[in-house]
Amino acid sequence: MDKDIKVIVQVDKTVVKITGVEVKGLNIQQLEEILKDKLKSLVRIIGVTGSSIEMDIYGVEEEDILRKEDGLITAIALADGISVSDVTTLSSVKKIQSVNIDSVPEYIENGCRGERWL
């Protein structure tokens, strides 16, 4: 395989952030399994603080996640190390956008990769 070939992979995922939780001693693998069973989809926890959890949910639309907010929060409450309160909410639900391969800017050696999107 040619070393100069670059591969771009499109992933169908939605990023979800839940706030208003108390997180202490969370078992991330357990939470991912609970959510996987609830959503029938792959879930990866990507960020945890003492009061929020951020995750990638694959193959599920934003609308479906928002429609099932209460069920999702109830499922999260089942995980060891999480306490929910009355203010627990999905603070953000954002579908990652697709990019057509033809619209990807050329890579410029020694340039800033982020600047090619400006």
C-alpha atoms as a PDB file:
ATOM      1  CA  MET A   1       0.000   0.000   0.000  1.00  0.00           C
ATOM      2  CA  ASP A   2       1.278   3.440  -0.921  1.00  0.00           C
ATOM      3  CA  LYS A   3       2.400   5.412   2.176  1.00  0.00           C
ATOM      4  CA  ASP A   4       1.059   8.659   0.674  1.00  0.00           C
ATOM      5  CA  ILE A   5      -2.531   7.442   0.600  1.00  0.00           C
ATOM      6  CA  LYS A   6      -4.734   9.089   3.207  1.00  0.00           C
ATOM      7  CA  VAL A   7      -8.021   7.526   4.272  1.00  0.00           C
ATOM      8  CA  ILE A   8     -10.979   9.458   5.644  1.00  0.00           C
ATOM      9  CA  VAL A   9     -13.693   7.485   7.407  1.00  0.00           C
ATOM     10  CA  GLN A  10     -17.218   8.771   7.918  1.00  0.00           C
ATOM     11  CA  VAL A  11     -18.781   7.643  11.167  1.00  0.00           C
ATOM     12  CA  ASP A  12     -22.505   7.946  11.816  1.00  0.00           C
ATOM     13  CA  LYS A  13     -22.538   9.225  15.362  1.00  0.00           C
ATOM     14  CA  THR A  14     -24.256  11.674  17.639  1.00  0.00           C
ATOM     15  CA  VAL A  15     -22.437  13.337  20.517  1.00  0.00           C
ATOM     16  CA  VAL A  16     -24.528  13.612  23.694  1.00  0.00           C
ATOM     17  CA  LYS A  17     -23.699  15.534  26.860  1.00  0.00           C
ATOM     18  CA  ILE A  18     -25.656  14.980  30.064  1.00  0.00           C
ATOM     19  CA  THR A  19     -25.392  17.472  32.911  1.00  0.00           C
ATOM     20  CA  GLY A  20     -26.870  17.624  36.392  1.00  0.00           C
ATOM     21  CA  VAL A  21     -25.440  14.288  37.487  1.00  0.00           C
ATOM     22  CA  GLU A  22     -23.076  13.485  40.322  1.00  0.00           C
ATOM     23  CA  VAL A  23     -20.307  11.189  39.172  1.00  0.00           C
ATOM     24  CA  LYS A  24     -18.058   9.467  41.678  1.00  0.00           C
ATOM     25  CA  GLY A  25     -16.371   6.112  41.083  1.00  0.00           C
ATOM     26  CA  LEU A  26     -18.037   5.488  37.713  1.00  0.00           C
ATOM     27  CA  ASN A  27     -17.529   2.137  35.996  1.00  0.00           C
ATOM     28  CA  ILE A  28     -17.414   3.340  32.380  1.00  0.00           C
ATOM     29  CA  GLN A  29     -17.638  -0.144  30.852  1.00  0.00           C
ATOM     30  CA  GLN A  30     -20.763  -0.894  32.898  1.00  0.00           C
ATOM     31  CA  LEU A  31     -22.404   2.359  31.781  1.00  0.00           C
ATOM     32  CA  GLU A  32     -21.556   1.662  28.132  1.00  0.00           C
ATOM     33  CA  GLU A  33     -23.152  -1.796  28.422  1.00  0.00           C
ATOM     34  CA  ILE A  34     -26.317  -0.406  30.069  1.00  0.00           C
ATOM     35  CA  LEU A  35     -26.673   2.210  27.310  1.00  0.00           C
ATOM     36  CA  LYS A  36     -25.877  -0.306  24.580  1.00  0.00           C
ATOM     37  CA  ASP A  37     -28.735  -2.514  25.827  1.00  0.00           C
ATOM     38  CA  LYS A  38     -31.113   0.462  26.164  1.00  0.00           C
ATOM     39  CA  LEU A  39     -30.360   2.058  22.786  1.00  0.00           C
ATOM     40  CA  LYS A  40     -29.537  -1.110  20.819  1.00  0.00           C
ATOM     41  CA  SER A  41     -26.502   0.719  19.519  1.00  0.00           C
ATOM     42  CA  LEU A  42     -22.800   1.159  20.192  1.00  0.00           C
ATOM     43  CA  VAL A  43     -22.032   3.790  22.845  1.00  0.00           C
ATOM     44  CA  ARG A  44     -18.613   5.132  23.868  1.00  0.00           C
ATOM     45  CA  ILE A  45     -18.086   7.381  26.869  1.00  0.00           C
ATOM     46  CA  ILE A  46     -15.686  10.129  25.744  1.00  0.00           C
ATOM     47  CA  GLY A  47     -15.692  12.505  28.703  1.00  0.00           C
ATOM     48  CA  VAL A  48     -16.577  12.423  32.391  1.00  0.00           C
ATOM     49  CA  THR A  49     -16.475  15.157  35.009  1.00  0.00           C
ATOM     50  CA  GLY A  50     -17.924  15.259  38.519  1.00  0.00           C
ATOM     51  CA  SER A  51     -21.164  16.686  37.106  1.00  0.00           C
ATOM     52  CA  SER A  52     -21.415  15.620  33.452  1.00  0.00           C
ATOM     53  CA  ILE A  53     -20.953  12.748  31.029  1.00  0.00           C
ATOM     54  CA  GLU A  54     -20.262  13.055  27.317  1.00  0.00           C
ATOM     55  CA  MET A  55     -20.661  10.146  24.937  1.00  0.00           C
ATOM     56  CA  ASP A  56     -20.727   9.118  21.301  1.00  0.00           C
ATOM     57  CA  ILE A  57     -23.836   7.196  20.249  1.00  0.00           C
ATOM     58  CA  TYR A  58     -23.497   5.469  16.874  1.00  0.00           C
ATOM     59  CA  GLY A  59     -26.291   5.003  14.343  1.00  0.00           C
ATOM     60  CA  VAL A  60     -29.011   6.813  16.306  1.00  0.00           C
ATOM     61  CA  GLU A  61     -30.552  10.076  15.117  1.00  0.00           C
ATOM     62  CA  GLU A  62     -30.685  13.236  17.256  1.00  0.00           C
ATOM     63  CA  GLU A  63     -34.483  13.228  17.237  1.00  0.00           C
ATOM     64  CA  ASP A  64     -34.638   9.665  18.574  1.00  0.00           C
ATOM     65  CA  ILE A  65     -32.250  10.476  21.418  1.00  0.00           C
ATOM     66  CA  LEU A  66     -34.172  13.623  22.358  1.00  0.00           C
ATOM     67  CA  ARG A  67     -37.475  11.752  22.241  1.00  0.00           C
ATOM     68  CA  LYS A  68     -36.111   9.138  24.676  1.00  0.00           C
ATOM     69  CA  GLU A  69     -34.441  11.605  27.080  1.00  0.00           C
ATOM     70  CA  ASP A  70     -36.213  10.363  30.219  1.00  0.00           C
ATOM     71  CA  GLY A  71     -35.471   6.722  29.424  1.00  0.00           C
ATOM     72  CA  LEU A  72     -31.851   7.527  28.695  1.00  0.00           C
ATOM     73  CA  ILE A  73     -31.418   9.374  31.994  1.00  0.00           C
ATOM     74  CA  THR A  74     -33.142   6.515  33.849  1.00  0.00           C
ATOM     75  CA  ALA A  75     -30.738   4.028  32.238  1.00  0.00           C
ATOM     76  CA  ILE A  76     -27.726   6.154  33.177  1.00  0.00           C
ATOM     77  CA  ALA A  77     -28.941   6.243  36.785  1.00  0.00           C
ATOM     78  CA  LEU A  78     -28.583   2.439  36.904  1.00  0.00           C
ATOM     79  CA  ALA A  79     -24.791   2.616  36.605  1.00  0.00           C
ATOM     80  CA  ASP A  80     -22.661   2.392  39.733  1.00  0.00           C
ATOM     81  CA  GLY A  81     -21.129   5.746  40.617  1.00  0.00           C
ATOM     82  CA  ILE A  82     -23.858   7.993  39.174  1.00  0.00           C
ATOM     83  CA  SER A  83     -26.535   9.920  41.026  1.00  0.00           C
ATOM     84  CA  VAL A  84     -29.146  11.900  39.122  1.00  0.00           C
ATOM     85  CA  SER A  85     -31.171  14.871  40.322  1.00  0.00           C
ATOM     86  CA  ASP A  86     -34.217  16.801  39.170  1.00  0.00           C
ATOM     87  CA  VAL A  87     -31.964  19.010  37.035  1.00  0.00           C
ATOM     88  CA  THR A  88     -30.387  16.156  35.090  1.00  0.00           C
ATOM     89  CA  THR A  89     -30.812  16.872  31.379  1.00  0.00           C
ATOM     90  CA  LEU A  90     -29.371  16.244  27.937  1.00  0.00           C
ATOM     91  CA  SER A  91     -27.530  19.533  27.670  1.00  0.00           C
ATOM     92  CA  SER A  92     -26.450  18.905  24.088  1.00  0.00           C
ATOM     93  CA  VAL A  93     -27.228  16.405  21.362  1.00  0.00           C
ATOM     94  CA  LYS A  94     -25.374  17.004  18.121  1.00  0.00           C
ATOM     95  CA  LYS A  95     -25.149  14.822  15.053  1.00  0.00           C
ATOM     96  CA  ILE A  96     -21.672  14.787  13.528  1.00  0.00           C
ATOM     97  CA  GLN A  97     -21.927  16.207  10.015  1.00  0.00           C
ATOM     98  CA  SER A  98     -20.986  14.321   6.871  1.00  0.00           C
ATOM     99  CA  VAL A  99     -18.376  15.701   4.515  1.00  0.00           C
ATOM    100  CA  ASN A 100     -18.251  14.715   0.869  1.00  0.00           C
ATOM    101  CA  ILE A 101     -14.799  13.385  -0.049  1.00  0.00           C
ATOM    102  CA  ASP A 102     -14.635  15.839  -2.977  1.00  0.00           C
ATOM    103  CA  SER A 103     -14.961  18.800  -0.601  1.00  0.00           C
ATOM    104  CA  VAL A 104     -12.045  17.813   1.640  1.00  0.00           C
ATOM    105  CA  PRO A 105      -9.244  20.340   1.123  1.00  0.00           C
ATOM    106  CA  GLU A 106      -5.846  19.108   0.038  1.00  0.00           C
ATOM    107  CA  TYR A 107      -3.346  18.446   2.794  1.00  0.00           C
ATOM    108  CA  ILE A 108      -0.461  20.923   2.714  1.00  0.00           C
ATOM    109  CA  GLU A 109       2.737  19.541   4.195  1.00  0.00           C
ATOM    110  CA  ASN A 110       3.835  21.465   7.325  1.00  0.00           C
ATOM    111  CA  GLY A 111       0.592  23.465   7.343  1.00  0.00           C
ATOM    112  CA  CYS A 112      -1.996  23.662  10.064  1.00  0.00           C
ATOM    113  CA  ARG A 113      -4.592  20.950   9.377  1.00  0.00           C
ATOM    114  CA  GLY A 114      -7.363  23.029  10.943  1.00  0.00           C
ATOM    115  CA  GLU A 115      -6.728  26.008   8.643  1.00  0.00           C
ATOM    116  CA  ARG A 116      -7.671  24.098   5.517  1.00  0.00           C
ATOM    117  CA  TRP A 117     -11.306  24.199   6.682  1.00  0.00           C
ATOM    118  CA  LEU A 118     -11.386  27.979   7.114  1.00  0.00           C
END
